[in-house]
Amino acid sequence: MLSTDPHRALYHAFVDQELDPWLALLPQQLAAGLDRKRFGDLPAWEKAVAKLPDLPSDRHVRLDQDIVTVDVALDEANRQRCENLLKKLMPWRKGPYRLGDITIDTEWRSDWKWQRLAPQLSPLRGRRVLDVGGGNGYHGWRMAGAGADFVLVLDPSPRFYYQFQAIRHFVGNADAGRTHFLPAGIEDVPERLEAFDTVCSMGVLYHRPSPLDHLKQLRDALRPGGELVLETLVVQGDDKTVFMPGERYAAMGNVYFLPSSQALSHWLQRCGFERVRVVDETDTTTDEQRATDWMQFQSLADFLDPDDHSLTREGYPAPRRAILIAEKPR
């Protein structure tokens, strides 16, 4: 099966990483995550990736700089073909990427978040990393560039899966096959797996109606002594401050709990984490999240009060994000 299965690299990686409790679940999870009946646009995304032209073997890949870069020479016909096919996968949310002389200017300057986060991380060299809600994998590629031994990006969006596969087409094996994507969510990780040295959850917690359950799921994926990286929307306040918006927050309809950083630290401690620390707290600006030629829908500027950017258009405090790092006890 592994010799013909299009996901054989993922299967082999799970075998190599001895993720046996998860391995048996992969066929079902892949089938559900890439269900053509459920996702009507999926065949078009799959076709776009399949049509990307063969690339010269002479290329230089950089996963350790702000723009994930593949220096490769493309003639004008193949350059235009690649750009047209990549645009069929729009909107591109996380990045940026430069593929040949095609720059994918994504909605988020995800490199800014990485710059705030990377100096605070335990060294990634040799570590197993799980990136929950990792979008198209930008931060996953950066973690591989920082030396992680195995990176699994987990996101239920099939569009992001095919964006990741498009980037994989350009990257080739420059990461020695250390970076992978599974179109699934944290609820699909086997209970009490305790397999990862670093688990990241960035931009997920506020979408969860039961945030403490999410924190416990992240904890159970970590090995004893492992490190959690948690990034989420917060509000200003003390350790008792938790805000729950109405039906929409910054035009998003699936936002539940926005704690203060102090309250979130308390949540983490109650969920069994130790050495909890807030390493960054930053207001999100319209320079960091904005519409581009590669994401042409409304973005942050459209979701703020036009007369007062300290408020959302619903009148709530404007988006503010914090990064917390914590450890699972040994």
C-alpha atoms as a PDB file:
ATOM      1  CA  MET A   1       0.000   0.000   0.000  1.00  0.00           C
ATOM      2  CA  LEU A   2       2.754   2.440   0.927  1.00  0.00           C
ATOM      3  CA  SER A   3       4.426   2.185  -2.481  1.00  0.00           C
ATOM      4  CA  THR A   4       1.352   3.505  -4.345  1.00  0.00           C
ATOM      5  CA  ASP A   5      -0.452   5.596  -1.750  1.00  0.00           C
ATOM      6  CA  PRO A   6      -0.116   9.360  -2.420  1.00  0.00           C
ATOM      7  CA  HIS A   7       0.336   9.838   1.320  1.00  0.00           C
ATOM      8  CA  ARG A   8       3.142   7.306   1.638  1.00  0.00           C
ATOM      9  CA  ALA A   9       5.620   9.906   2.928  1.00  0.00           C
ATOM     10  CA  LEU A  10       3.253  10.684   5.797  1.00  0.00           C
ATOM     11  CA  TYR A  11       2.785   6.984   6.582  1.00  0.00           C
ATOM     12  CA  HIS A  12       6.525   6.373   6.519  1.00  0.00           C
ATOM     13  CA  ALA A  13       7.114   9.363   8.797  1.00  0.00           C
ATOM     14  CA  PHE A  14       4.606   8.037  11.322  1.00  0.00           C
ATOM     15  CA  VAL A  15       6.361   4.664  11.239  1.00  0.00           C
ATOM     16  CA  ASP A  16       9.774   6.275  11.658  1.00  0.00           C
ATOM     17  CA  GLN A  17       8.521   8.405  14.556  1.00  0.00           C
ATOM     18  CA  GLU A  18       6.894   5.362  16.179  1.00  0.00           C
ATOM     19  CA  LEU A  19       3.471   7.004  16.267  1.00  0.00           C
ATOM     20  CA  ASP A  20       1.849   3.577  16.221  1.00  0.00           C
ATOM     21  CA  PRO A  21      -1.374   4.525  18.075  1.00  0.00           C
ATOM     22  CA  TRP A  22      -2.023   7.159  15.404  1.00  0.00           C
ATOM     23  CA  LEU A  23      -0.864   5.214  12.353  1.00  0.00           C
ATOM     24  CA  ALA A  24      -3.920   2.964  12.183  1.00  0.00           C
ATOM     25  CA  LEU A  25      -6.198   6.027  12.216  1.00  0.00           C
ATOM     26  CA  LEU A  26      -4.530   7.790   9.287  1.00  0.00           C
ATOM     27  CA  PRO A  27      -6.534   6.235   6.402  1.00  0.00           C
ATOM     28  CA  GLN A  28      -9.839   7.249   7.960  1.00  0.00           C
ATOM     29  CA  GLN A  29      -8.608  10.715   8.905  1.00  0.00           C
ATOM     30  CA  LEU A  30      -7.185  11.390   5.441  1.00  0.00           C
ATOM     31  CA  ALA A  31     -10.385  10.182   3.798  1.00  0.00           C
ATOM     32  CA  ALA A  32     -12.496  12.465   6.006  1.00  0.00           C
ATOM     33  CA  GLY A  33     -10.207  15.461   5.633  1.00  0.00           C
ATOM     34  CA  LEU A  34     -10.061  15.154   1.834  1.00  0.00           C
ATOM     35  CA  ASP A  35     -13.659  14.095   1.217  1.00  0.00           C
ATOM     36  CA  ARG A  36     -14.698  15.264  -2.265  1.00  0.00           C
ATOM     37  CA  LYS A  37     -18.379  15.057  -1.385  1.00  0.00           C
ATOM     38  CA  ARG A  38     -17.886  17.336   1.603  1.00  0.00           C
ATOM     39  CA  PHE A  39     -15.549  19.831  -0.068  1.00  0.00           C
ATOM     40  CA  GLY A  40     -16.834  20.725  -3.513  1.00  0.00           C
ATOM     41  CA  ASP A  41     -13.784  22.809  -4.499  1.00  0.00           C
ATOM     42  CA  LEU A  42     -11.318  20.097  -3.543  1.00  0.00           C
ATOM     43  CA  PRO A  43     -10.952  18.550  -7.034  1.00  0.00           C
ATOM     44  CA  ALA A  44     -10.004  21.950  -8.470  1.00  0.00           C
ATOM     45  CA  TRP A  45      -7.339  22.487  -5.797  1.00  0.00           C
ATOM     46  CA  GLU A  46      -5.975  18.983  -6.321  1.00  0.00           C
ATOM     47  CA  LYS A  47      -5.866  19.556 -10.077  1.00  0.00           C
ATOM     48  CA  ALA A  48      -4.034  22.872  -9.673  1.00  0.00           C
ATOM     49  CA  VAL A  49      -1.261  21.246  -7.646  1.00  0.00           C
ATOM     50  CA  ALA A  50      -1.043  18.296 -10.033  1.00  0.00           C
ATOM     51  CA  LYS A  51      -0.569  20.673 -12.974  1.00  0.00           C
ATOM     52  CA  LEU A  52       2.442  22.455 -11.485  1.00  0.00           C
ATOM     53  CA  PRO A  53       5.301  21.860 -13.930  1.00  0.00           C
ATOM     54  CA  ASP A  54       8.363  19.788 -13.199  1.00  0.00           C
ATOM     55  CA  LEU A  55      11.066  22.008 -11.776  1.00  0.00           C
ATOM     56  CA  PRO A  56      14.795  22.064 -12.402  1.00  0.00           C
ATOM     57  CA  SER A  57      16.739  20.059  -9.853  1.00  0.00           C
ATOM     58  CA  ASP A  58      19.075  23.019  -9.447  1.00  0.00           C
ATOM     59  CA  ARG A  59      17.340  25.088  -6.763  1.00  0.00           C
ATOM     60  CA  HIS A  60      18.231  26.697  -3.467  1.00  0.00           C
ATOM     61  CA  VAL A  61      15.711  26.478  -0.624  1.00  0.00           C
ATOM     62  CA  ARG A  62      15.764  28.780   2.400  1.00  0.00           C
ATOM     63  CA  LEU A  63      13.516  27.847   5.325  1.00  0.00           C
ATOM     64  CA  ASP A  64      15.474  29.955   7.807  1.00  0.00           C
ATOM     65  CA  GLN A  65      14.556  33.443   6.643  1.00  0.00           C
ATOM     66  CA  ASP A  66      11.440  35.602   6.846  1.00  0.00           C
ATOM     67  CA  ILE A  67      10.266  34.766   3.346  1.00  0.00           C
ATOM     68  CA  VAL A  68      10.237  31.005   2.771  1.00  0.00           C
ATOM     69  CA  THR A  69      12.234  31.019  -0.434  1.00  0.00           C
ATOM     70  CA  VAL A  70      12.912  28.632  -3.288  1.00  0.00           C
ATOM     71  CA  ASP A  71      15.414  30.067  -5.737  1.00  0.00           C
ATOM     72  CA  VAL A  72      14.697  28.280  -8.998  1.00  0.00           C
ATOM     73  CA  ALA A  73      14.955  29.423 -12.602  1.00  0.00           C
ATOM     74  CA  LEU A  74      11.653  29.351 -14.500  1.00  0.00           C
ATOM     75  CA  ASP A  75      11.165  30.376 -18.094  1.00  0.00           C
ATOM     76  CA  GLU A  76       8.377  32.883 -18.672  1.00  0.00           C
ATOM     77  CA  ALA A  77       5.832  30.267 -19.757  1.00  0.00           C
ATOM     78  CA  ASN A  78       6.361  28.095 -16.674  1.00  0.00           C
ATOM     79  CA  ARG A  79       6.526  31.131 -14.415  1.00  0.00           C
ATOM     80  CA  GLN A  80       3.135  32.306 -15.643  1.00  0.00           C
ATOM     81  CA  ARG A  81       1.747  28.794 -15.433  1.00  0.00           C
ATOM     82  CA  CYS A  82       2.885  28.449 -11.825  1.00  0.00           C
ATOM     83  CA  GLU A  83       1.473  31.817 -10.812  1.00  0.00           C
ATOM     84  CA  ASN A  84      -1.901  31.060 -12.389  1.00  0.00           C
ATOM     85  CA  LEU A  85      -2.097  27.665 -10.683  1.00  0.00           C
ATOM     86  CA  LEU A  86      -1.023  29.035  -7.299  1.00  0.00           C
ATOM     87  CA  LYS A  87      -3.699  31.715  -7.558  1.00  0.00           C
ATOM     88  CA  LYS A  88      -6.319  28.998  -7.991  1.00  0.00           C
ATOM     89  CA  LEU A  89      -5.562  28.090  -4.359  1.00  0.00           C
ATOM     90  CA  MET A  90      -6.398  31.594  -3.085  1.00  0.00           C
ATOM     91  CA  PRO A  91      -6.936  33.030  -0.563  1.00  0.00           C
ATOM     92  CA  TRP A  92      -3.435  32.661   0.846  1.00  0.00           C
ATOM     93  CA  ARG A  93      -3.592  33.540   4.550  1.00  0.00           C
ATOM     94  CA  LYS A  94      -0.166  32.694   6.050  1.00  0.00           C
ATOM     95  CA  GLY A  95       3.247  33.424   4.625  1.00  0.00           C
ATOM     96  CA  PRO A  96       5.084  35.058   2.859  1.00  0.00           C
ATOM     97  CA  TYR A  97       6.638  32.806   0.233  1.00  0.00           C
ATOM     98  CA  ARG A  98       8.876  33.454  -2.765  1.00  0.00           C
ATOM     99  CA  LEU A  99       8.947  30.727  -5.389  1.00  0.00           C
ATOM    100  CA  GLY A 100      11.302  31.600  -8.197  1.00  0.00           C
ATOM    101  CA  ASP A 101      10.377  35.227  -8.814  1.00  0.00           C
ATOM    102  CA  ILE A 102       6.765  34.706  -7.709  1.00  0.00           C
ATOM    103  CA  THR A 103       6.150  36.356  -4.353  1.00  0.00           C
ATOM    104  CA  ILE A 104       3.019  35.185  -2.529  1.00  0.00           C
ATOM    105  CA  ASP A 105       2.119  38.215  -0.438  1.00  0.00           C
ATOM    106  CA  THR A 106      -0.193  36.598   2.096  1.00  0.00           C
ATOM    107  CA  GLU A 107      -2.849  38.228   4.280  1.00  0.00           C
ATOM    108  CA  TRP A 108      -0.754  37.723   7.418  1.00  0.00           C
ATOM    109  CA  ARG A 109       2.851  38.737   7.825  1.00  0.00           C
ATOM    110  CA  SER A 110       3.388  35.478   9.675  1.00  0.00           C
ATOM    111  CA  ASP A 111       7.101  36.206   9.795  1.00  0.00           C
ATOM    112  CA  TRP A 112       6.400  38.995  12.298  1.00  0.00           C
ATOM    113  CA  LYS A 113       4.804  36.499  14.670  1.00  0.00           C
ATOM    114  CA  TRP A 114       7.757  34.149  14.156  1.00  0.00           C
ATOM    115  CA  GLN A 115      10.185  36.965  14.984  1.00  0.00           C
ATOM    116  CA  ARG A 116       8.370  37.531  18.275  1.00  0.00           C
ATOM    117  CA  LEU A 117       8.186  33.817  19.051  1.00  0.00           C
ATOM    118  CA  ALA A 118      11.425  32.231  17.863  1.00  0.00           C
ATOM    119  CA  PRO A 119      13.802  33.789  20.442  1.00  0.00           C
ATOM    120  CA  GLN A 120      11.595  32.471  23.251  1.00  0.00           C
ATOM    121  CA  LEU A 121      11.471  28.841  22.116  1.00  0.00           C
ATOM    122  CA  SER A 122      13.589  26.044  23.431  1.00  0.00           C
ATOM    123  CA  PRO A 123      16.032  25.134  20.633  1.00  0.00           C
ATOM    124  CA  LEU A 124      14.108  23.133  18.049  1.00  0.00           C
ATOM    125  CA  ARG A 125      17.016  21.102  16.744  1.00  0.00           C
ATOM    126  CA  GLY A 126      16.165  17.409  16.973  1.00  0.00           C
ATOM    127  CA  ARG A 127      12.658  17.993  18.373  1.00  0.00           C
ATOM    128  CA  ARG A 128       9.291  16.603  17.307  1.00  0.00           C
ATOM    129  CA  VAL A 129       6.827  19.426  16.716  1.00  0.00           C
ATOM    130  CA  LEU A 130       3.039  19.444  16.377  1.00  0.00           C
ATOM    131  CA  ASP A 131       1.614  22.682  14.919  1.00  0.00           C
ATOM    132  CA  VAL A 132      -2.122  22.689  15.643  1.00  0.00           C
ATOM    133  CA  GLY A 133      -4.201  24.896  13.347  1.00  0.00           C
ATOM    134  CA  GLY A 134      -1.054  25.612  11.362  1.00  0.00           C
ATOM    135  CA  GLY A 135      -2.775  26.931   8.236  1.00  0.00           C
ATOM    136  CA  ASN A 136      -0.825  26.231   5.066  1.00  0.00           C
ATOM    137  CA  GLY A 137       2.302  25.399   7.058  1.00  0.00           C
ATOM    138  CA  TYR A 138       4.378  28.593   7.039  1.00  0.00           C
ATOM    139  CA  HIS A 139       5.430  28.207  10.668  1.00  0.00           C
ATOM    140  CA  GLY A 140       5.947  24.482  10.119  1.00  0.00           C
ATOM    141  CA  TRP A 141       8.485  25.218   7.389  1.00  0.00           C
ATOM    142  CA  ARG A 142      10.199  27.751   9.663  1.00  0.00           C
ATOM    143  CA  MET A 143      10.408  25.150  12.451  1.00  0.00           C
ATOM    144  CA  ALA A 144      12.003  22.704  10.037  1.00  0.00           C
ATOM    145  CA  GLY A 145      14.393  25.483   9.041  1.00  0.00           C
ATOM    146  CA  ALA A 146      15.261  25.874  12.725  1.00  0.00           C
ATOM    147  CA  GLY A 147      16.316  22.223  12.868  1.00  0.00           C
ATOM    148  CA  ALA A 148      13.231  20.333  14.075  1.00  0.00           C
ATOM    149  CA  ASP A 149      13.556  16.623  13.369  1.00  0.00           C
ATOM    150  CA  PHE A 150       9.849  16.080  12.581  1.00  0.00           C
ATOM    151  CA  VAL A 151       7.121  18.682  12.055  1.00  0.00           C
ATOM    152  CA  LEU A 152       3.461  17.789  11.699  1.00  0.00           C
ATOM    153  CA  VAL A 153       1.120  20.586  10.653  1.00  0.00           C
ATOM    154  CA  LEU A 154      -2.439  19.843  11.708  1.00  0.00           C
ATOM    155  CA  ASP A 155      -5.264  21.816  10.086  1.00  0.00           C
ATOM    156  CA  PRO A 156      -8.717  20.632   8.953  1.00  0.00           C
ATOM    157  CA  SER A 157      -8.808  22.912   5.882  1.00  0.00           C
ATOM    158  CA  PRO A 158      -8.265  21.023   2.614  1.00  0.00           C
ATOM    159  CA  ARG A 159      -7.452  24.323   0.893  1.00  0.00           C
ATOM    160  CA  PHE A 160      -4.522  24.757   3.276  1.00  0.00           C
ATOM    161  CA  TYR A 161      -3.537  21.144   2.656  1.00  0.00           C
ATOM    162  CA  TYR A 162      -3.205  21.808  -1.078  1.00  0.00           C
ATOM    163  CA  GLN A 163      -1.390  25.087  -0.480  1.00  0.00           C
ATOM    164  CA  PHE A 164       1.077  23.112   1.623  1.00  0.00           C
ATOM    165  CA  GLN A 165       1.439  20.533  -1.171  1.00  0.00           C
ATOM    166  CA  ALA A 166       2.098  23.330  -3.671  1.00  0.00           C
ATOM    167  CA  ILE A 167       4.905  24.653  -1.481  1.00  0.00           C
ATOM    168  CA  ARG A 168       6.179  21.091  -1.057  1.00  0.00           C
ATOM    169  CA  HIS A 169       6.360  20.843  -4.871  1.00  0.00           C
ATOM    170  CA  PHE A 170       8.814  23.740  -4.869  1.00  0.00           C
ATOM    171  CA  VAL A 171      10.713  22.802  -1.708  1.00  0.00           C
ATOM    172  CA  GLY A 172      11.141  19.219  -2.880  1.00  0.00           C
ATOM    173  CA  ASN A 173      13.246  17.233  -0.416  1.00  0.00           C
ATOM    174  CA  ALA A 174      15.311  20.177   0.786  1.00  0.00           C
ATOM    175  CA  ASP A 175      13.961  19.621   4.308  1.00  0.00           C
ATOM    176  CA  ALA A 176      14.903  15.918   4.106  1.00  0.00           C
ATOM    177  CA  GLY A 177      11.199  15.051   4.325  1.00  0.00           C
ATOM    178  CA  ARG A 178      10.852  16.349   7.873  1.00  0.00           C
ATOM    179  CA  THR A 179       7.722  18.499   7.325  1.00  0.00           C
ATOM    180  CA  HIS A 180       4.249  16.983   6.932  1.00  0.00           C
ATOM    181  CA  PHE A 181       0.595  18.003   6.857  1.00  0.00           C
ATOM    182  CA  LEU A 182      -2.472  16.127   8.062  1.00  0.00           C
ATOM    183  CA  PRO A 183      -5.909  17.623   7.237  1.00  0.00           C
ATOM    184  CA  ALA A 184      -7.338  17.045  10.708  1.00  0.00           C
ATOM    185  CA  GLY A 185      -7.854  18.776  14.048  1.00  0.00           C
ATOM    186  CA  ILE A 186      -6.548  18.357  17.570  1.00  0.00           C
ATOM    187  CA  GLU A 187      -9.545  16.146  18.371  1.00  0.00           C
ATOM    188  CA  ASP A 188      -8.108  13.606  15.912  1.00  0.00           C
ATOM    189  CA  VAL A 189      -4.899  13.173  17.907  1.00  0.00           C
ATOM    190  CA  PRO A 190      -5.130   9.943  19.934  1.00  0.00           C
ATOM    191  CA  GLU A 191      -5.776  10.544  23.625  1.00  0.00           C
ATOM    192  CA  ARG A 192      -2.737  10.755  25.888  1.00  0.00           C
ATOM    193  CA  LEU A 193      -0.356  10.331  22.961  1.00  0.00           C
ATOM    194  CA  GLU A 194       2.491  12.132  24.785  1.00  0.00           C
ATOM    195  CA  ALA A 195       4.682  12.069  21.684  1.00  0.00           C
ATOM    196  CA  PHE A 196       5.782  15.640  20.898  1.00  0.00           C
ATOM    197  CA  ASP A 197       8.572  17.760  22.344  1.00  0.00           C
ATOM    198  CA  THR A 198       6.901  21.001  21.241  1.00  0.00           C
ATOM    199  CA  VAL A 199       3.207  21.594  20.612  1.00  0.00           C
ATOM    200  CA  CYS A 200       2.046  24.885  19.093  1.00  0.00           C
ATOM    201  CA  SER A 201      -1.504  26.228  19.087  1.00  0.00           C
ATOM    202  CA  MET A 202      -1.606  29.635  17.440  1.00  0.00           C
ATOM    203  CA  GLY A 203      -4.878  31.349  16.593  1.00  0.00           C
ATOM    204  CA  VAL A 204      -7.045  28.438  17.725  1.00  0.00           C
ATOM    205  CA  LEU A 205      -8.049  28.833  21.374  1.00  0.00           C
ATOM    206  CA  TYR A 206     -10.581  31.640  20.866  1.00  0.00           C
ATOM    207  CA  HIS A 207     -12.445  29.494  18.343  1.00  0.00           C
ATOM    208  CA  ARG A 208     -13.039  26.816  20.994  1.00  0.00           C
ATOM    209  CA  PRO A 209     -16.263  26.904  23.025  1.00  0.00           C
ATOM    210  CA  SER A 210     -14.478  24.802  25.658  1.00  0.00           C
ATOM    211  CA  PRO A 211     -10.983  26.339  25.915  1.00  0.00           C
ATOM    212  CA  LEU A 212      -9.857  24.293  28.912  1.00  0.00           C
ATOM    213  CA  ASP A 213     -10.571  21.077  27.016  1.00  0.00           C
ATOM    214  CA  HIS A 214      -8.375  22.396  24.212  1.00  0.00           C
ATOM    215  CA  LEU A 215      -5.547  23.081  26.642  1.00  0.00           C
ATOM    216  CA  LYS A 216      -5.853  19.561  28.032  1.00  0.00           C
ATOM    217  CA  GLN A 217      -5.746  18.077  24.525  1.00  0.00           C
ATOM    218  CA  LEU A 218      -2.555  20.016  23.835  1.00  0.00           C
ATOM    219  CA  ARG A 219      -1.089  18.836  27.140  1.00  0.00           C
ATOM    220  CA  ASP A 220      -1.883  15.201  26.353  1.00  0.00           C
ATOM    221  CA  ALA A 221      -0.059  15.420  23.007  1.00  0.00           C
ATOM    222  CA  LEU A 222       3.121  16.564  24.778  1.00  0.00           C
ATOM    223  CA  ARG A 223       5.719  14.260  26.242  1.00  0.00           C
ATOM    224  CA  PRO A 224       6.547  14.845  29.922  1.00  0.00           C
ATOM    225  CA  GLY A 225       8.813  17.883  30.028  1.00  0.00           C
ATOM    226  CA  GLY A 226       7.592  19.066  26.629  1.00  0.00           C
ATOM    227  CA  GLU A 227       6.915  22.690  25.727  1.00  0.00           C
ATOM    228  CA  LEU A 228       3.594  24.305  24.816  1.00  0.00           C
ATOM    229  CA  VAL A 229       3.469  27.419  22.631  1.00  0.00           C
ATOM    230  CA  LEU A 230       0.089  29.106  22.902  1.00  0.00           C
ATOM    231  CA  GLU A 231      -0.881  32.191  20.900  1.00  0.00           C
ATOM    232  CA  THR A 232      -4.378  33.615  21.084  1.00  0.00           C
ATOM    233  CA  LEU A 233      -6.515  36.736  21.287  1.00  0.00           C
ATOM    234  CA  VAL A 234      -6.502  38.357  24.706  1.00  0.00           C
ATOM    235  CA  VAL A 235      -7.918  41.410  26.424  1.00  0.00           C
ATOM    236  CA  GLN A 236      -6.295  43.648  28.980  1.00  0.00           C
ATOM    237  CA  GLY A 237      -7.104  42.980  32.612  1.00  0.00           C
ATOM    238  CA  ASP A 238      -6.200  41.020  35.715  1.00  0.00           C
ATOM    239  CA  ASP A 239      -6.274  37.295  36.446  1.00  0.00           C
ATOM    240  CA  LYS A 240     -10.078  37.358  36.721  1.00  0.00           C
ATOM    241  CA  THR A 241     -10.724  39.094  33.379  1.00  0.00           C
ATOM    242  CA  VAL A 242     -12.364  36.984  30.681  1.00  0.00           C
ATOM    243  CA  PHE A 243     -14.409  38.507  27.856  1.00  0.00           C
ATOM    244  CA  MET A 244     -17.018  36.687  25.785  1.00  0.00           C
ATOM    245  CA  PRO A 245     -18.270  38.715  22.797  1.00  0.00           C
ATOM    246  CA  GLY A 246     -21.698  38.540  21.233  1.00  0.00           C
ATOM    247  CA  GLU A 247     -22.486  36.723  18.019  1.00  0.00           C
ATOM    248  CA  ARG A 248     -19.541  38.312  16.203  1.00  0.00           C
ATOM    249  CA  TYR A 249     -16.127  39.675  17.083  1.00  0.00           C
ATOM    250  CA  ALA A 250     -14.224  41.570  14.362  1.00  0.00           C
ATOM    251  CA  ALA A 251     -16.776  40.044  11.954  1.00  0.00           C
ATOM    252  CA  MET A 252     -15.864  36.496  13.047  1.00  0.00           C
ATOM    253  CA  GLY A 253     -18.821  34.413  14.133  1.00  0.00           C
ATOM    254  CA  ASN A 254     -16.925  31.687  15.978  1.00  0.00           C
ATOM    255  CA  VAL A 255     -15.127  33.594  18.735  1.00  0.00           C
ATOM    256  CA  TYR A 256     -15.859  32.527  22.296  1.00  0.00           C
ATOM    257  CA  PHE A 257     -13.503  33.366  25.175  1.00  0.00           C
ATOM    258  CA  LEU A 258     -10.886  36.124  25.244  1.00  0.00           C
ATOM    259  CA  PRO A 259      -9.053  36.036  28.595  1.00  0.00           C
ATOM    260  CA  SER A 260      -6.421  38.414  29.834  1.00  0.00           C
ATOM    261  CA  SER A 261      -2.873  37.080  29.712  1.00  0.00           C
ATOM    262  CA  GLN A 262      -2.957  36.703  33.488  1.00  0.00           C
ATOM    263  CA  ALA A 263      -6.221  34.757  33.367  1.00  0.00           C
ATOM    264  CA  LEU A 264      -4.840  32.564  30.589  1.00  0.00           C
ATOM    265  CA  SER A 265      -1.762  31.854  32.693  1.00  0.00           C
ATOM    266  CA  HIS A 266      -4.096  30.747  35.473  1.00  0.00           C
ATOM    267  CA  TRP A 267      -5.981  28.471  33.068  1.00  0.00           C
ATOM    268  CA  LEU A 268      -2.729  26.826  32.014  1.00  0.00           C
ATOM    269  CA  GLN A 269      -1.703  26.232  35.600  1.00  0.00           C
ATOM    270  CA  ARG A 270      -5.096  24.735  36.409  1.00  0.00           C
ATOM    271  CA  CYS A 271      -4.682  22.407  33.424  1.00  0.00           C
ATOM    272  CA  GLY A 272      -1.430  21.073  34.847  1.00  0.00           C
ATOM    273  CA  PHE A 273       1.220  23.173  33.120  1.00  0.00           C
ATOM    274  CA  GLU A 274       4.169  24.691  34.932  1.00  0.00           C
ATOM    275  CA  ARG A 275       6.695  27.453  34.260  1.00  0.00           C
ATOM    276  CA  VAL A 276       3.972  29.443  32.517  1.00  0.00           C
ATOM    277  CA  ARG A 277       5.195  32.751  31.138  1.00  0.00           C
ATOM    278  CA  VAL A 278       3.850  35.476  28.852  1.00  0.00           C
ATOM    279  CA  VAL A 279       6.590  36.162  26.306  1.00  0.00           C
ATOM    280  CA  ASP A 280       4.770  38.652  24.076  1.00  0.00           C
ATOM    281  CA  GLU A 281       1.613  40.728  23.966  1.00  0.00           C
ATOM    282  CA  THR A 282       0.977  42.835  20.874  1.00  0.00           C
ATOM    283  CA  ASP A 283      -1.889  44.724  19.264  1.00  0.00           C
ATOM    284  CA  THR A 284      -2.616  43.381  15.785  1.00  0.00           C
ATOM    285  CA  THR A 285      -2.165  46.115  13.195  1.00  0.00           C
ATOM    286  CA  THR A 286      -3.400  46.576   9.654  1.00  0.00           C
ATOM    287  CA  ASP A 287       0.210  46.268   8.525  1.00  0.00           C
ATOM    288  CA  GLU A 288       0.440  42.736   9.907  1.00  0.00           C
ATOM    289  CA  GLN A 289      -2.984  41.538   8.670  1.00  0.00           C
ATOM    290  CA  ARG A 290      -4.313  43.016   5.439  1.00  0.00           C
ATOM    291  CA  ALA A 291      -5.840  42.308   2.057  1.00  0.00           C
ATOM    292  CA  THR A 292      -3.373  41.633  -0.776  1.00  0.00           C
ATOM    293  CA  ASP A 293      -3.427  40.461  -4.383  1.00  0.00           C
ATOM    294  CA  TRP A 294      -3.232  36.923  -2.972  1.00  0.00           C
ATOM    295  CA  MET A 295      -6.049  37.439  -0.417  1.00  0.00           C
ATOM    296  CA  GLN A 296      -8.582  39.776  -1.951  1.00  0.00           C
ATOM    297  CA  PHE A 297     -11.367  39.486   0.605  1.00  0.00           C
ATOM    298  CA  GLN A 298     -11.998  41.828   3.508  1.00  0.00           C
ATOM    299  CA  SER A 299      -9.313  41.870   6.181  1.00  0.00           C
ATOM    300  CA  LEU A 300      -8.609  43.548   9.505  1.00  0.00           C
ATOM    301  CA  ALA A 301      -9.093  47.155   8.338  1.00  0.00           C
ATOM    302  CA  ASP A 302     -12.661  46.284   7.345  1.00  0.00           C
ATOM    303  CA  PHE A 303     -13.394  44.762  10.760  1.00  0.00           C
ATOM    304  CA  LEU A 304     -12.355  47.764  12.858  1.00  0.00           C
ATOM    305  CA  ASP A 305     -14.348  50.858  13.773  1.00  0.00           C
ATOM    306  CA  PRO A 306     -13.514  53.249  10.898  1.00  0.00           C
ATOM    307  CA  ASP A 307     -13.255  56.180  13.312  1.00  0.00           C
ATOM    308  CA  ASP A 308     -11.402  54.407  16.133  1.00  0.00           C
ATOM    309  CA  HIS A 309      -9.058  51.526  15.353  1.00  0.00           C
ATOM    310  CA  SER A 310      -8.821  50.681  19.051  1.00  0.00           C
ATOM    311  CA  LEU A 311     -12.288  49.122  18.655  1.00  0.00           C
ATOM    312  CA  THR A 312     -13.791  46.477  16.408  1.00  0.00           C
ATOM    313  CA  ARG A 313     -16.764  47.468  14.317  1.00  0.00           C
ATOM    314  CA  GLU A 314     -18.949  45.823  16.971  1.00  0.00           C
ATOM    315  CA  GLY A 315     -17.479  48.181  19.582  1.00  0.00           C
ATOM    316  CA  TYR A 316     -15.257  45.626  21.327  1.00  0.00           C
ATOM    317  CA  PRO A 317     -11.533  46.052  22.086  1.00  0.00           C
ATOM    318  CA  ALA A 318      -9.545  45.595  18.866  1.00  0.00           C
ATOM    319  CA  PRO A 319      -7.545  42.376  18.386  1.00  0.00           C
ATOM    320  CA  ARG A 320      -4.626  41.942  20.759  1.00  0.00           C
ATOM    321  CA  ARG A 321      -2.588  38.758  20.791  1.00  0.00           C
ATOM    322  CA  ALA A 322      -0.398  37.161  23.394  1.00  0.00           C
ATOM    323  CA  ILE A 323       2.127  34.337  23.212  1.00  0.00           C
ATOM    324  CA  LEU A 324       2.539  32.148  26.273  1.00  0.00           C
ATOM    325  CA  ILE A 325       5.003  29.325  26.783  1.00  0.00           C
ATOM    326  CA  ALA A 326       4.510  26.598  29.368  1.00  0.00           C
ATOM    327  CA  GLU A 327       5.876  23.169  30.185  1.00  0.00           C
ATOM    328  CA  LYS A 328       4.297  19.844  30.945  1.00  0.00           C
ATOM    329  CA  PRO A 329       5.661  18.419  34.204  1.00  0.00           C
ATOM    330  CA  ARG A 330       8.119  15.552  33.921  1.00  0.00           C
END
